[in-house]
Amino acid sequence: MLQELRDKSTGIVAKIIIGLIAVIFALWGTEALFEKNADSGRAISVNGEKITETDIARGIQNRKQQILSRYGESVPAEYLTDEKLRQPVIESLIQRSLLAQIAKKGGFAANTASINKEIYSSPAFQQDGVFNQDRFLQMLRYQGFTPTTYQKAVAEDTLINQLQFAIANTSFVTPAELKNIIGLSFQSRDFSYLILPADRAEKSVTVEDKDVKAYYDANPQTFTTPEQVAVDYVELSTAELAKNIVVSDDQVQKQFEQNTKSFVAKTERQAAHILLEGADAQKRAEEVKAKLVAGEDFAKLATEFSADAGSKNQGGDLGFSAGDAFPAEFEDALAKLKVGEVSAPVKTDAGVHIIKLLSERGSKAPTFEEARAGIIDQIKRTEAESQFAVKLEKLKDLAYNADSLTEVAKELGLTPQNTGLFGKTGGKDLTANNAVVTAAFSTEVLEQGNPSEILELEPSRVLVLKKTDRKPAQLQSIESVKEQITSVVRAEKTQALLAQQASQITTAVASGASLADQAKTLGVEVKIANGIARTDTATNRDVMQYAFGLAAPVNDKPVLGSVRIAKGDYAVIALSAVHLGTDDKVPAEQRTSISNQLANINGEYDFKSYQSHLQEVAKIKNP
């Protein structure tokens, strides 16, 4: 097809067609040609709106990244397969679609300017504190988005957040609910307990060879070393390529002159503020301003007085603005300041601000010395990206069916490395990466001995690997693990003995014996804990938690129980009384805080219930 197009690309008609394609690329980028095709694979219908296979694939990829980001790259490979993640992702996309639909029907809206501002201010898309178009596009490609689909996703997030806030904030707490929660949360308990030491019980325990053999035979998987593999790998990255690039003074000078010619002044101002809220905000702002005039430190006063929790601990620092990050009144006042100056109180919808201009940038072209380091990095990065593209194509060709990666690395001017043996659960550094583990244990690499496909670890960082060693799973001999098993069996027997002793004590006390007499017989001490609250720190923590889990006594008859505590000891506990908390013992501010927290919890449950209802009544069709 391409050859046919090339053969026919002559004459006025062909030039018009090519011209039209060029215009499309210039105005909208390549996504204008391919975005429609991306949605062609319809997968699921939710009330008539489609969730495509492209949406599902993107969701699976993003879910993998979230899991790796949260739990690290030691996550077992089987938890990150497309098959494992597909259904949860589909459920999430269905819920998202339902919420977005109902938000739109409810009149919620997302302002395009606000969405763009959110994207531009996202740290993920910034370089040196400024939005970077290349970084933005690179990260979107990595996540499977186009600018249009990403903007749509951000807009939907905004709508869903608005809906959730609206529903959750309708929740409230009744006086009866508040009384119950205070009664439970601020209750105190009376109990006594004794502790049976594990180290003393252990002295009476013996472990015989037959015990070791029985445990070994019953737990073969415990003593089987997992299969392991070692691989050679060749890694290609722009970061490593850049280290070997030498930039001449002449290159730096030429680039500096070019940058200077194309420089466009765009002043950005770094602002800090102290925000005062409430009916008396203006008065308090004037008082704070007076302290500043008297010479007190702005950052210290921001920490002490500012109502902006996001900036107060940074001395009120809000970062840079190009004139559009803050409300108009704020920006107007900021623009009139010189570096180091502080404004008079400025009123906006958020409250009353005292603003300080910390610094400015972008109004003057940087000097050669100021720009030198950045230009060198820029030239290195550009050259490294160029080399990366060329070497990547060579790597694909050379690695395909290669007998050894040594020659591949030599041809590319790279250094081959070996991981050493590691298992399916991964190892350290590179072998902690799930993509590397999955590839190493794939049939292609492990069984057939072929090089892997090119693995993209990060944007502009790839590698290819090939098996060099394989160690199969094998059962360790009983002699090699005898000491380990003996320790385990001894611990088990000790715990069984302690549990038996604890059961005998509770039976005796339930039959009328006293806990003190039982303790005296065993040579241990009974401890009395009366009026103990949940926040008590003097009582053994494990004992206290267990005591608060027991049912309240009936007819003054103590409730008995036993529990294993730290170091393997056992505690026997007799709960004699429960005293519920009362409103008059809790400060008004704390009651309000508890009420708000409980309302938030109820609001979350309300929202989840609403989600379930939406899915129950929705028309969902799978192809």
Foldseek 3Di string as FASTA:
>chain_A
DVVVLVVPCDDDVNVVVVVVVVVCCVPPNPCVVCVVVLQPAFFKAWQNDTDHPLNLVLLLLVVLVVCCVVPNLLPFLVCSDSVNCRVVSVVVVNLLVLLLVVLVVVPDFDDLVVLVLCVQQDPQQDDPRGGDPVSSCQVCVSSSHDVVVVSVVSGSVRSSVVVLCVLLVVFFDDPVRLFVVQQLQWKFFWWKKWWFDLVVLLVPDDDDPVNLVVVCVVCQVVQKDAKKFKKKKFKFFLVVQLVPDDDDPVLLVVVLVVCQVPADFQKKWWKFKAFADDPCQLVVLVVVVVVVVVPDDQLVVSLVHGPPPVCNPVSRTPGIDSQPPDDNQVSVQQVPDDAQDWGRWTQDPRGTIIMHTNDMDRRDRDDSVVCRVVSSVVVSSVVSVVLLVVLVVLLQVCQFQHPDCCVVQVVSVTHMDMDPMDHSSFDDDPRSRSVVSCQCPDCVAPVVFGKGGWADPDVRMTMIITTDDIDHIDGDDSVVCVVVSRVVVSLVVSLVVQVVLLVVLVVVVLVPDDNCVSCVVVVIDMDIDGRHHLPDDPDQNVVVVVLSVDDADDPQAWDWDKDQDPPRMIMIMTIRGMGTRGPVVDDPVVSVVVRVVVSSVVSVVSVVVVSVVSVVPIDMDGD
